[in-house]
Amino acid sequence: MKNLLESFAIFLVGLLSIGVVYLIVQYNSIDDKNYVDPLDKTAYQMPTDAELEEADDLDLDDEDIDLEDEA
């Protein structure tokens, strides 16, 4: 029985070692072309003056409609 447990433990350690080596190889095979940047760079860019004016124009149109509905 003791021999069987030792053999199973050795087998398990070997299997886990192979798994760790496989994961290391997979991690090192990731290249920069397939990497996806989780941050959206456009979220940190300041809007241009034209975009700001366009947004202001849209806001004014919404207020006009709201005022007409209340009257």
C-alpha atoms as a PDB file:
ATOM      1  CA  MET A   1       0.000   0.000   0.000  1.00  0.00           C
ATOM      2  CA  LYS A   2       2.833   2.375   0.892  1.00  0.00           C
ATOM      3  CA  ASN A   3       4.530   1.645  -2.432  1.00  0.00           C
ATOM      4  CA  LEU A   4       1.309   2.460  -4.294  1.00  0.00           C
ATOM      5  CA  LEU A   5       0.920   5.819  -2.507  1.00  0.00           C
ATOM      6  CA  GLU A   6       4.547   6.714  -3.216  1.00  0.00           C
ATOM      7  CA  SER A   7       4.134   5.838  -6.867  1.00  0.00           C
ATOM      8  CA  PHE A   8       0.955   7.921  -7.079  1.00  0.00           C
ATOM      9  CA  ALA A   9       2.681  10.892  -5.386  1.00  0.00           C
ATOM     10  CA  ILE A  10       5.631  10.694  -7.803  1.00  0.00           C
ATOM     11  CA  PHE A  11       3.252  10.464 -10.746  1.00  0.00           C
ATOM     12  CA  LEU A  12       1.277  13.466  -9.477  1.00  0.00           C
ATOM     13  CA  VAL A  13       4.431  15.574  -8.982  1.00  0.00           C
ATOM     14  CA  GLY A  14       5.585  14.695 -12.495  1.00  0.00           C
ATOM     15  CA  LEU A  15       2.205  15.552 -13.981  1.00  0.00           C
ATOM     16  CA  LEU A  16       2.095  18.892 -12.180  1.00  0.00           C
ATOM     17  CA  SER A  17       5.647  19.685 -13.294  1.00  0.00           C
ATOM     18  CA  ILE A  18       4.707  19.023 -16.917  1.00  0.00           C
ATOM     19  CA  GLY A  19       1.648  21.247 -16.486  1.00  0.00           C
ATOM     20  CA  VAL A  20       3.734  24.115 -15.094  1.00  0.00           C
ATOM     21  CA  VAL A  21       6.254  23.827 -17.941  1.00  0.00           C
ATOM     22  CA  TYR A  22       3.378  23.816 -20.467  1.00  0.00           C
ATOM     23  CA  LEU A  23       1.870  26.974 -18.960  1.00  0.00           C
ATOM     24  CA  ILE A  24       5.253  28.739 -18.986  1.00  0.00           C
ATOM     25  CA  VAL A  25       5.742  27.877 -22.663  1.00  0.00           C
ATOM     26  CA  GLN A  26       2.229  29.098 -23.496  1.00  0.00           C
ATOM     27  CA  TYR A  27       2.795  32.365 -21.630  1.00  0.00           C
ATOM     28  CA  ASN A  28       6.087  33.002 -23.407  1.00  0.00           C
ATOM     29  CA  SER A  29       4.540  32.327 -26.821  1.00  0.00           C
ATOM     30  CA  ILE A  30       2.152  35.299 -26.517  1.00  0.00           C
ATOM     31  CA  ASP A  31       3.340  37.944 -28.948  1.00  0.00           C
ATOM     32  CA  ASP A  32       2.647  41.659 -28.940  1.00  0.00           C
ATOM     33  CA  LYS A  33       0.494  41.513 -32.074  1.00  0.00           C
ATOM     34  CA  ASN A  34      -2.191  39.466 -30.360  1.00  0.00           C
ATOM     35  CA  TYR A  35      -2.169  41.559 -27.197  1.00  0.00           C
ATOM     36  CA  VAL A  36      -5.340  43.562 -26.628  1.00  0.00           C
ATOM     37  CA  ASP A  37      -4.977  46.776 -24.659  1.00  0.00           C
ATOM     38  CA  PRO A  38      -7.839  46.826 -22.127  1.00  0.00           C
ATOM     39  CA  LEU A  39      -7.760  50.620 -21.876  1.00  0.00           C
ATOM     40  CA  ASP A  40      -9.522  52.684 -24.503  1.00  0.00           C
ATOM     41  CA  LYS A  41      -7.141  55.512 -25.343  1.00  0.00           C
ATOM     42  CA  THR A  42      -9.934  57.676 -26.778  1.00  0.00           C
ATOM     43  CA  ALA A  43     -11.533  57.907 -23.345  1.00  0.00           C
ATOM     44  CA  TYR A  44      -8.548  59.966 -22.157  1.00  0.00           C
ATOM     45  CA  GLN A  45      -8.355  62.348 -25.127  1.00  0.00           C
ATOM     46  CA  MET A  46      -9.738  65.846 -24.834  1.00  0.00           C
ATOM     47  CA  PRO A  47     -12.548  66.577 -27.285  1.00  0.00           C
ATOM     48  CA  THR A  48     -11.815  69.048 -30.046  1.00  0.00           C
ATOM     49  CA  ASP A  49     -13.407  72.498 -30.130  1.00  0.00           C
ATOM     50  CA  ALA A  50     -15.713  71.387 -32.937  1.00  0.00           C
ATOM     51  CA  GLU A  51     -16.948  68.440 -30.895  1.00  0.00           C
ATOM     52  CA  LEU A  52     -17.569  70.687 -27.887  1.00  0.00           C
ATOM     53  CA  GLU A  53     -19.547  73.185 -29.981  1.00  0.00           C
ATOM     54  CA  GLU A  54     -21.520  70.342 -31.527  1.00  0.00           C
ATOM     55  CA  ALA A  55     -22.376  69.004 -28.069  1.00  0.00           C
ATOM     56  CA  ASP A  56     -23.476  72.489 -26.935  1.00  0.00           C
ATOM     57  CA  ASP A  57     -25.708  72.851 -29.984  1.00  0.00           C
ATOM     58  CA  LEU A  58     -27.351  69.509 -29.246  1.00  0.00           C
ATOM     59  CA  ASP A  59     -27.964  70.495 -25.627  1.00  0.00           C
ATOM     60  CA  LEU A  60     -29.667  73.730 -26.664  1.00  0.00           C
ATOM     61  CA  ASP A  61     -31.976  71.872 -29.024  1.00  0.00           C
ATOM     62  CA  ASP A  62     -33.079  69.552 -26.210  1.00  0.00           C
ATOM     63  CA  GLU A  63     -33.854  72.503 -23.914  1.00  0.00           C
ATOM     64  CA  ASP A  64     -36.013  74.145 -26.600  1.00  0.00           C
ATOM     65  CA  ILE A  65     -38.081  70.997 -26.959  1.00  0.00           C
ATOM     66  CA  ASP A  66     -38.488  70.708 -23.176  1.00  0.00           C
ATOM     67  CA  LEU A  67     -39.668  74.331 -22.923  1.00  0.00           C
ATOM     68  CA  GLU A  68     -42.261  73.795 -25.659  1.00  0.00           C
ATOM     69  CA  ASP A  69     -43.592  70.695 -23.906  1.00  0.00           C
ATOM     70  CA  GLU A  70     -44.034  72.543 -20.605  1.00  0.00           C
ATOM     71  CA  ALA A  71     -45.942  75.417 -22.198  1.00  0.00           C
END
